[in-house]
Amino acid sequence: STERTFRWYAPDQAAGVYYYAVKYTNKEYKGS
């Protein structure tokens, strides 16, 4: 998503660990 007010409800995804990357102009935040 490119929307700052995004929502992800994990439709059709299995239970488990997922990883994310939030990109800003000068920095990227990553985590699980």
PDB file of all heavy atoms in Angstrom:
ATOM      1  N   SER A   1       0.832  -1.191   0.000  1.00  0.00           N
ATOM      2  CA  SER A   1       0.000   0.000   0.000  1.00  0.00           C
ATOM      3  C   SER A   1       0.869   1.245   0.000  1.00  0.00           C
ATOM      4  O   SER A   1       1.949   1.256   0.581  1.00  0.00           O
ATOM      5  CB  SER A   1      -0.899   0.020   1.244  1.00  0.00           C
ATOM      6  OG  SER A   1      -1.684   1.200   1.245  1.00  0.00           O
ATOM      7  N   THR A   2       0.365   2.268  -0.653  1.00  0.00           N
ATOM      8  CA  THR A   2       1.027   3.574  -0.613  1.00  0.00           C
ATOM      9  C   THR A   2       0.199   4.554   0.223  1.00  0.00           C
ATOM     10  O   THR A   2       0.511   5.737   0.273  1.00  0.00           O
ATOM     11  CB  THR A   2       1.223   4.141  -2.036  1.00  0.00           C
ATOM     12  OG1 THR A   2      -0.051   4.210  -2.678  1.00  0.00           O
ATOM     13  CG2 THR A   2       2.185   3.286  -2.843  1.00  0.00           C
ATOM     14  N   GLU A   3      -0.835   4.043   0.878  1.00  0.00           N
ATOM     15  CA  GLU A   3      -1.687   4.859   1.745  1.00  0.00           C
ATOM     16  C   GLU A   3      -1.144   4.847   3.167  1.00  0.00           C
ATOM     17  O   GLU A   3      -0.932   3.784   3.749  1.00  0.00           O
ATOM     18  CB  GLU A   3      -3.120   4.319   1.749  1.00  0.00           C
ATOM     19  CG  GLU A   3      -3.791   4.359   0.402  1.00  0.00           C
ATOM     20  CD  GLU A   3      -4.010   5.772  -0.100  1.00  0.00           C
ATOM     21  OE1 GLU A   3      -4.301   6.664   0.720  1.00  0.00           O
ATOM     22  OE2 GLU A   3      -3.872   5.984  -1.315  1.00  0.00           O
ATOM     23  N   ARG A   4      -0.919   6.005   3.733  1.00  0.00           N
ATOM     24  CA  ARG A   4      -0.406   6.100   5.099  1.00  0.00           C
ATOM     25  C   ARG A   4      -1.373   5.478   6.113  1.00  0.00           C
ATOM     26  O   ARG A   4      -0.966   4.950   7.138  1.00  0.00           O
ATOM     27  CB  ARG A   4      -0.143   7.565   5.448  1.00  0.00           C
ATOM     28  CG  ARG A   4       0.459   7.761   6.808  1.00  0.00           C
ATOM     29  CD  ARG A   4       0.701   9.245   7.090  1.00  0.00           C
ATOM     30  NE  ARG A   4       1.184   9.411   8.425  1.00  0.00           N
ATOM     31  CZ  ARG A   4       2.435   9.225   8.805  1.00  0.00           C
ATOM     32  NH1 ARG A   4       3.336   8.867   7.936  1.00  0.00           N
ATOM     33  NH2 ARG A   4       2.780   9.382  10.058  1.00  0.00           N
ATOM     34  N   THR A   5      -2.652   5.515   5.840  1.00  0.00           N
ATOM     35  CA  THR A   5      -3.653   4.953   6.746  1.00  0.00           C
ATOM     36  C   THR A   5      -4.017   3.519   6.360  1.00  0.00           C
ATOM     37  O   THR A   5      -5.150   3.085   6.543  1.00  0.00           O
ATOM     38  CB  THR A   5      -4.917   5.834   6.751  1.00  0.00           C
ATOM     39  OG1 THR A   5      -5.406   5.946   5.417  1.00  0.00           O
ATOM     40  CG2 THR A   5      -4.630   7.211   7.333  1.00  0.00           C
ATOM     41  N   PHE A   6      -3.054   2.787   5.832  1.00  0.00           N
ATOM     42  CA  PHE A   6      -3.287   1.407   5.385  1.00  0.00           C
ATOM     43  C   PHE A   6      -3.796   0.531   6.532  1.00  0.00           C
ATOM     44  O   PHE A   6      -3.557   0.805   7.703  1.00  0.00           O
ATOM     45  CB  PHE A   6      -1.994   0.800   4.823  1.00  0.00           C
ATOM     46  CG  PHE A   6      -0.945   0.532   5.870  1.00  0.00           C
ATOM     47  CD1 PHE A   6      -0.890  -0.685   6.522  1.00  0.00           C
ATOM     48  CD2 PHE A   6      -0.019   1.510   6.212  1.00  0.00           C
ATOM     49  CE1 PHE A   6       0.070  -0.932   7.499  1.00  0.00           C
ATOM     50  CE2 PHE A   6       0.938   1.275   7.186  1.00  0.00           C
ATOM     51  CZ  PHE A   6       0.980   0.048   7.832  1.00  0.00           C
ATOM     52  N   ARG A   7      -4.487  -0.548   6.145  1.00  0.00           N
ATOM     53  CA  ARG A   7      -4.907  -1.593   7.073  1.00  0.00           C
ATOM     54  C   ARG A   7      -4.687  -2.928   6.370  1.00  0.00           C
ATOM     55  O   ARG A   7      -5.064  -3.081   5.204  1.00  0.00           O
ATOM     56  CB  ARG A   7      -6.391  -1.471   7.440  1.00  0.00           C
ATOM     57  CG  ARG A   7      -6.690  -0.276   8.291  1.00  0.00           C
ATOM     58  CD  ARG A   7      -6.157  -0.498   9.702  1.00  0.00           C
ATOM     59  NE  ARG A   7      -6.377   0.646  10.544  1.00  0.00           N
ATOM     60  CZ  ARG A   7      -5.460   1.567  10.790  1.00  0.00           C
ATOM     61  NH1 ARG A   7      -4.281   1.505  10.244  1.00  0.00           N
ATOM     62  NH2 ARG A   7      -5.723   2.569  11.589  1.00  0.00           N
ATOM     63  N   TRP A   8      -4.077  -3.862   7.045  1.00  0.00           N
ATOM     64  CA  TRP A   8      -3.893  -5.208   6.505  1.00  0.00           C
ATOM     65  C   TRP A   8      -4.498  -6.182   7.486  1.00  0.00           C
ATOM     66  O   TRP A   8      -4.030  -6.305   8.617  1.00  0.00           O
ATOM     67  CB  TRP A   8      -2.409  -5.518   6.275  1.00  0.00           C
ATOM     68  CG  TRP A   8      -2.176  -6.881   5.702  1.00  0.00           C
ATOM     69  CD1 TRP A   8      -2.700  -7.379   4.548  1.00  0.00           C
ATOM     70  CD2 TRP A   8      -1.374  -7.920   6.250  1.00  0.00           C
ATOM     71  NE1 TRP A   8      -2.270  -8.656   4.343  1.00  0.00           N
ATOM     72  CE2 TRP A   8      -1.450  -9.022   5.374  1.00  0.00           C
ATOM     73  CE3 TRP A   8      -0.599  -8.045   7.393  1.00  0.00           C
ATOM     74  CZ2 TRP A   8      -0.782 -10.211   5.606  1.00  0.00           C
ATOM     75  CZ3 TRP A   8       0.067  -9.224   7.622  1.00  0.00           C
ATOM     76  CH2 TRP A   8      -0.019 -10.295   6.729  1.00  0.00           C
ATOM     77  N   TYR A   9      -5.528  -6.867   7.064  1.00  0.00           N
ATOM     78  CA  TYR A   9      -6.224  -7.812   7.934  1.00  0.00           C
ATOM     79  C   TYR A   9      -5.870  -9.256   7.614  1.00  0.00           C
ATOM     80  O   TYR A   9      -6.513 -10.160   8.111  1.00  0.00           O
ATOM     81  CB  TYR A   9      -7.732  -7.587   7.835  1.00  0.00           C
ATOM     82  CG  TYR A   9      -8.137  -6.230   8.354  1.00  0.00           C
ATOM     83  CD1 TYR A   9      -8.442  -5.189   7.491  1.00  0.00           C
ATOM     84  CD2 TYR A   9      -8.186  -5.977   9.721  1.00  0.00           C
ATOM     85  CE1 TYR A   9      -8.798  -3.941   7.973  1.00  0.00           C
ATOM     86  CE2 TYR A   9      -8.529  -4.735  10.216  1.00  0.00           C
ATOM     87  CZ  TYR A   9      -8.839  -3.722   9.325  1.00  0.00           C
ATOM     88  OH  TYR A   9      -9.181  -2.481   9.810  1.00  0.00           O
ATOM     89  N   ALA A  10      -4.873  -9.478   6.782  1.00  0.00           N
ATOM     90  CA  ALA A  10      -4.366 -10.811   6.430  1.00  0.00           C
ATOM     91  C   ALA A  10      -5.431 -11.725   5.845  1.00  0.00           C
ATOM     92  O   ALA A  10      -5.521 -12.887   6.222  1.00  0.00           O
ATOM     93  CB  ALA A  10      -3.689 -11.449   7.633  1.00  0.00           C
ATOM     94  N   PRO A  11      -6.240 -11.243   4.898  1.00  0.00           N
ATOM     95  CA  PRO A  11      -7.242 -12.138   4.313  1.00  0.00           C
ATOM     96  C   PRO A  11      -6.570 -13.262   3.534  1.00  0.00           C
ATOM     97  O   PRO A  11      -5.587 -13.048   2.837  1.00  0.00           O
ATOM     98  CB  PRO A  11      -8.035 -11.218   3.382  1.00  0.00           C
ATOM     99  CG  PRO A  11      -7.058 -10.161   3.000  1.00  0.00           C
ATOM    100  CD  PRO A  11      -6.193  -9.957   4.232  1.00  0.00           C
ATOM    101  N   ASP A  12      -7.080 -14.441   3.686  1.00  0.00           N
ATOM    102  CA  ASP A  12      -6.579 -15.623   2.960  1.00  0.00           C
ATOM    103  C   ASP A  12      -5.118 -15.948   3.258  1.00  0.00           C
ATOM    104  O   ASP A  12      -4.447 -16.575   2.442  1.00  0.00           O
ATOM    105  CB  ASP A  12      -6.769 -15.448   1.446  1.00  0.00           C
ATOM    106  CG  ASP A  12      -8.213 -15.174   1.090  1.00  0.00           C
ATOM    107  OD1 ASP A  12      -9.095 -15.801   1.691  1.00  0.00           O
ATOM    108  OD2 ASP A  12      -8.455 -14.328   0.210  1.00  0.00           O
ATOM    109  N   GLN A  13      -4.593 -15.502   4.393  1.00  0.00           N
ATOM    110  CA  GLN A  13      -3.216 -15.815   4.769  1.00  0.00           C
ATOM    111  C   GLN A  13      -3.220 -16.803   5.935  1.00  0.00           C
ATOM    112  O   GLN A  13      -4.064 -16.724   6.821  1.00  0.00           O
ATOM    113  CB  GLN A  13      -2.445 -14.557   5.166  1.00  0.00           C
ATOM    114  CG  GLN A  13      -2.344 -13.522   4.075  1.00  0.00           C
ATOM    115  CD  GLN A  13      -1.645 -14.031   2.839  1.00  0.00           C
ATOM    116  OE1 GLN A  13      -0.685 -14.789   2.912  1.00  0.00           O
ATOM    117  NE2 GLN A  13      -2.149 -13.642   1.682  1.00  0.00           N
ATOM    118  N   ALA A  14      -2.282 -17.706   5.920  1.00  0.00           N
ATOM    119  CA  ALA A  14      -2.161 -18.692   6.987  1.00  0.00           C
ATOM    120  C   ALA A  14      -1.580 -18.050   8.244  1.00  0.00           C
ATOM    121  O   ALA A  14      -0.882 -17.034   8.169  1.00  0.00           O
ATOM    122  CB  ALA A  14      -1.255 -19.830   6.529  1.00  0.00           C
ATOM    123  N   ALA A  15      -1.869 -18.645   9.377  1.00  0.00           N
ATOM    124  CA  ALA A  15      -1.243 -18.190  10.623  1.00  0.00           C
ATOM    125  C   ALA A  15       0.262 -18.388  10.502  1.00  0.00           C
ATOM    126  O   ALA A  15       0.727 -19.322   9.854  1.00  0.00           O
ATOM    127  CB  ALA A  15      -1.793 -18.978  11.804  1.00  0.00           C
ATOM    128  N   GLY A  16       1.026 -17.498  11.097  1.00  0.00           N
ATOM    129  CA  GLY A  16       2.479 -17.610  11.055  1.00  0.00           C
ATOM    130  C   GLY A  16       3.152 -16.263  11.135  1.00  0.00           C
ATOM    131  O   GLY A  16       2.528 -15.247  11.419  1.00  0.00           O
ATOM    132  N   VAL A  17       4.439 -16.261  10.859  1.00  0.00           N
ATOM    133  CA  VAL A  17       5.248 -15.040  10.925  1.00  0.00           C
ATOM    134  C   VAL A  17       5.320 -14.405   9.543  1.00  0.00           C
ATOM    135  O   VAL A  17       5.549 -15.092   8.541  1.00  0.00           O
ATOM    136  CB  VAL A  17       6.667 -15.350  11.449  1.00  0.00           C
ATOM    137  CG1 VAL A  17       7.538 -14.102  11.432  1.00  0.00           C
ATOM    138  CG2 VAL A  17       6.590 -15.933  12.855  1.00  0.00           C
ATOM    139  N   TYR A  18       5.126 -13.095   9.510  1.00  0.00           N
ATOM    140  CA  TYR A  18       5.237 -12.308   8.289  1.00  0.00           C
ATOM    141  C   TYR A  18       6.228 -11.180   8.549  1.00  0.00           C
ATOM    142  O   TYR A  18       6.503 -10.827   9.694  1.00  0.00           O
ATOM    143  CB  TYR A  18       3.870 -11.737   7.886  1.00  0.00           C
ATOM    144  CG  TYR A  18       2.927 -12.810   7.416  1.00  0.00           C
ATOM    145  CD1 TYR A  18       2.242 -13.606   8.330  1.00  0.00           C
ATOM    146  CD2 TYR A  18       2.745 -13.056   6.070  1.00  0.00           C
ATOM    147  CE1 TYR A  18       1.392 -14.619   7.900  1.00  0.00           C
ATOM    148  CE2 TYR A  18       1.898 -14.056   5.628  1.00  0.00           C
ATOM    149  CZ  TYR A  18       1.235 -14.840   6.550  1.00  0.00           C
ATOM    150  OH  TYR A  18       0.414 -15.842   6.119  1.00  0.00           O
ATOM    151  N   TYR A  19       6.749 -10.624   7.484  1.00  0.00           N
ATOM    152  CA  TYR A  19       7.751  -9.561   7.593  1.00  0.00           C
ATOM    153  C   TYR A  19       7.228  -8.330   6.877  1.00  0.00           C
ATOM    154  O   TYR A  19       6.501  -8.434   5.905  1.00  0.00           O
ATOM    155  CB  TYR A  19       9.076 -10.027   6.994  1.00  0.00           C
ATOM    156  CG  TYR A  19       9.560 -11.269   7.690  1.00  0.00           C
ATOM    157  CD1 TYR A  19       9.212 -12.531   7.224  1.00  0.00           C
ATOM    158  CD2 TYR A  19      10.310 -11.181   8.849  1.00  0.00           C
ATOM    159  CE1 TYR A  19       9.614 -13.669   7.898  1.00  0.00           C
ATOM    160  CE2 TYR A  19      10.715 -12.319   9.530  1.00  0.00           C
ATOM    161  CZ  TYR A  19      10.360 -13.560   9.042  1.00  0.00           C
ATOM    162  OH  TYR A  19      10.746 -14.689   9.714  1.00  0.00           O
ATOM    163  N   TYR A  20       7.601  -7.163   7.387  1.00  0.00           N
ATOM    164  CA  TYR A  20       7.130  -5.926   6.776  1.00  0.00           C
ATOM    165  C   TYR A  20       8.288  -4.976   6.532  1.00  0.00           C
ATOM    166  O   TYR A  20       9.334  -5.057   7.172  1.00  0.00           O
ATOM    167  CB  TYR A  20       6.072  -5.240   7.645  1.00  0.00           C
ATOM    168  CG  TYR A  20       6.594  -4.750   8.972  1.00  0.00           C
ATOM    169  CD1 TYR A  20       7.208  -3.502   9.079  1.00  0.00           C
ATOM    170  CD2 TYR A  20       6.498  -5.534  10.113  1.00  0.00           C
ATOM    171  CE1 TYR A  20       7.703  -3.053  10.297  1.00  0.00           C
ATOM    172  CE2 TYR A  20       6.980  -5.091  11.333  1.00  0.00           C
ATOM    173  CZ  TYR A  20       7.580  -3.858  11.414  1.00  0.00           C
ATOM    174  OH  TYR A  20       8.078  -3.414  12.608  1.00  0.00           O
ATOM    175  N   ALA A  21       8.078  -4.077   5.590  1.00  0.00           N
ATOM    176  CA  ALA A  21       9.017  -2.994   5.301  1.00  0.00           C
ATOM    177  C   ALA A  21       8.186  -1.732   5.085  1.00  0.00           C
ATOM    178  O   ALA A  21       7.336  -1.698   4.197  1.00  0.00           O
ATOM    179  CB  ALA A  21       9.843  -3.301   4.061  1.00  0.00           C
ATOM    180  N   VAL A  22       8.404  -0.729   5.928  1.00  0.00           N
ATOM    181  CA  VAL A  22       7.736   0.559   5.792  1.00  0.00           C
ATOM    182  C   VAL A  22       8.775   1.525   5.240  1.00  0.00           C
ATOM    183  O   VAL A  22       9.789   1.782   5.878  1.00  0.00           O
ATOM    184  CB  VAL A  22       7.188   1.068   7.143  1.00  0.00           C
ATOM    185  CG1 VAL A  22       6.536   2.432   6.974  1.00  0.00           C
ATOM    186  CG2 VAL A  22       6.205   0.068   7.734  1.00  0.00           C
ATOM    187  N   LYS A  23       8.540   1.998   4.023  1.00  0.00           N
ATOM    188  CA  LYS A  23       9.530   2.840   3.343  1.00  0.00           C
ATOM    189  C   LYS A  23       9.163   4.310   3.437  1.00  0.00           C
ATOM    190  O   LYS A  23       8.038   4.703   3.156  1.00  0.00           O
ATOM    191  CB  LYS A  23       9.639   2.436   1.877  1.00  0.00           C
ATOM    192  CG  LYS A  23      10.680   3.242   1.129  1.00  0.00           C
ATOM    193  CD  LYS A  23      11.146   2.541  -0.105  1.00  0.00           C
ATOM    194  CE  LYS A  23      12.152   3.322  -0.916  1.00  0.00           C
ATOM    195  NZ  LYS A  23      12.977   4.257  -0.251  1.00  0.00           N
ATOM    196  N   TYR A  24      10.126   5.078   3.865  1.00  0.00           N
ATOM    197  CA  TYR A  24      10.058   6.535   3.859  1.00  0.00           C
ATOM    198  C   TYR A  24      11.080   7.032   2.845  1.00  0.00           C
ATOM    199  O   TYR A  24      11.918   6.280   2.372  1.00  0.00           O
ATOM    200  CB  TYR A  24      10.371   7.101   5.247  1.00  0.00           C
ATOM    201  CG  TYR A  24       9.183   7.114   6.162  1.00  0.00           C
ATOM    202  CD1 TYR A  24       8.701   5.936   6.720  1.00  0.00           C
ATOM    203  CD2 TYR A  24       8.522   8.294   6.457  1.00  0.00           C
ATOM    204  CE1 TYR A  24       7.594   5.939   7.554  1.00  0.00           C
ATOM    205  CE2 TYR A  24       7.415   8.314   7.296  1.00  0.00           C
ATOM    206  CZ  TYR A  24       6.963   7.130   7.835  1.00  0.00           C
ATOM    207  OH  TYR A  24       5.862   7.146   8.647  1.00  0.00           O
ATOM    208  N   THR A  25      11.047   8.301   2.543  1.00  0.00           N
ATOM    209  CA  THR A  25      11.960   8.872   1.562  1.00  0.00           C
ATOM    210  C   THR A  25      13.422   8.554   1.893  1.00  0.00           C
ATOM    211  O   THR A  25      14.179   8.141   1.019  1.00  0.00           O
ATOM    212  CB  THR A  25      11.782  10.410   1.498  1.00  0.00           C
ATOM    213  OG1 THR A  25      10.409  10.703   1.356  1.00  0.00           O
ATOM    214  CG2 THR A  25      12.566  11.002   0.347  1.00  0.00           C
ATOM    215  N   ASN A  26      13.815   8.704   3.150  1.00  0.00           N
ATOM    216  CA  ASN A  26      15.217   8.543   3.543  1.00  0.00           C
ATOM    217  C   ASN A  26      15.486   7.366   4.464  1.00  0.00           C
ATOM    218  O   ASN A  26      16.616   7.193   4.913  1.00  0.00           O
ATOM    219  CB  ASN A  26      15.721   9.806   4.234  1.00  0.00           C
ATOM    220  CG  ASN A  26      15.787  10.982   3.295  1.00  0.00           C
ATOM    221  OD1 ASN A  26      15.850  10.807   2.085  1.00  0.00           O
ATOM    222  ND2 ASN A  26      15.756  12.178   3.831  1.00  0.00           N
ATOM    223  N   LYS A  27      14.473   6.571   4.788  1.00  0.00           N
ATOM    224  CA  LYS A  27      14.686   5.482   5.741  1.00  0.00           C
ATOM    225  C   LYS A  27      13.679   4.378   5.508  1.00  0.00           C
ATOM    226  O   LYS A  27      12.571   4.630   5.030  1.00  0.00           O
ATOM    227  CB  LYS A  27      14.563   6.010   7.178  1.00  0.00           C
ATOM    228  CG  LYS A  27      14.950   5.005   8.215  1.00  0.00           C
ATOM    229  CD  LYS A  27      15.160   5.654   9.550  1.00  0.00           C
ATOM    230  CE  LYS A  27      15.648   4.569  10.508  1.00  0.00           C
ATOM    231  NZ  LYS A  27      16.098   5.074  11.752  1.00  0.00           N
ATOM    232  N   GLU A  28      14.066   3.154   5.863  1.00  0.00           N
ATOM    233  CA  GLU A  28      13.158   2.017   5.768  1.00  0.00           C
ATOM    234  C   GLU A  28      13.138   1.303   7.109  1.00  0.00           C
ATOM    235  O   GLU A  28      14.183   1.051   7.700  1.00  0.00           O
ATOM    236  CB  GLU A  28      13.609   1.067   4.657  1.00  0.00           C
ATOM    237  CG  GLU A  28      12.608  -0.013   4.362  1.00  0.00           C
ATOM    238  CD  GLU A  28      12.953  -0.779   3.100  1.00  0.00           C
ATOM    239  OE1 GLU A  28      14.145  -1.037   2.869  1.00  0.00           O
ATOM    240  OE2 GLU A  28      12.025  -1.118   2.359  1.00  0.00           O
ATOM    241  N   TYR A  29      11.951   1.008   7.598  1.00  0.00           N
ATOM    242  CA  TYR A  29      11.774   0.304   8.851  1.00  0.00           C
ATOM    243  C   TYR A  29      11.347  -1.122   8.523  1.00  0.00           C
ATOM    244  O   TYR A  29      10.408  -1.326   7.761  1.00  0.00           O
ATOM    245  CB  TYR A  29      10.694   0.986   9.707  1.00  0.00           C
ATOM    246  CG  TYR A  29      11.029   2.407  10.057  1.00  0.00           C
ATOM    247  CD1 TYR A  29      10.661   3.447   9.207  1.00  0.00           C
ATOM    248  CD2 TYR A  29      11.710   2.712  11.218  1.00  0.00           C
ATOM    249  CE1 TYR A  29      10.967   4.772   9.518  1.00  0.00           C
ATOM    250  CE2 TYR A  29      12.021   4.027  11.549  1.00  0.00           C
ATOM    251  CZ  TYR A  29      11.641   5.044  10.691  1.00  0.00           C
ATOM    252  OH  TYR A  29      11.940   6.341  10.999  1.00  0.00           O
ATOM    253  N   LYS A  30      12.009  -2.113   9.124  1.00  0.00           N
ATOM    254  CA  LYS A  30      11.698  -3.508   8.868  1.00  0.00           C
ATOM    255  C   LYS A  30      11.454  -4.233  10.175  1.00  0.00           C
ATOM    256  O   LYS A  30      12.014  -3.863  11.205  1.00  0.00           O
ATOM    257  CB  LYS A  30      12.841  -4.193   8.127  1.00  0.00           C
ATOM    258  CG  LYS A  30      13.092  -3.629   6.742  1.00  0.00           C
ATOM    259  CD  LYS A  30      14.228  -4.350   6.064  1.00  0.00           C
ATOM    260  CE  LYS A  30      14.449  -3.793   4.666  1.00  0.00           C
ATOM    261  NZ  LYS A  30      15.531  -4.525   3.985  1.00  0.00           N
ATOM    262  N   GLY A  31      10.630  -5.265  10.108  1.00  0.00           N
ATOM    263  CA  GLY A  31      10.360  -6.044  11.293  1.00  0.00           C
ATOM    264  C   GLY A  31       9.479  -7.237  10.960  1.00  0.00           C
ATOM    265  O   GLY A  31       9.259  -7.565   9.790  1.00  0.00           O
ATOM    266  N   SER A  32       9.000  -7.887  11.998  1.00  0.00           N
ATOM    267  CA  SER A  32       8.152  -9.057  11.793  1.00  0.00           C
ATOM    268  C   SER A  32       6.879  -8.898  12.611  1.00  0.00           C
ATOM    269  O   SER A  32       6.813  -8.113  13.553  1.00  0.00           O
ATOM    270  CB  SER A  32       8.885 -10.323  12.204  1.00  0.00           C
ATOM    271  OG  SER A  32       9.210 -10.294  13.568  1.00  0.00           O
TER     272      SER A  32
END
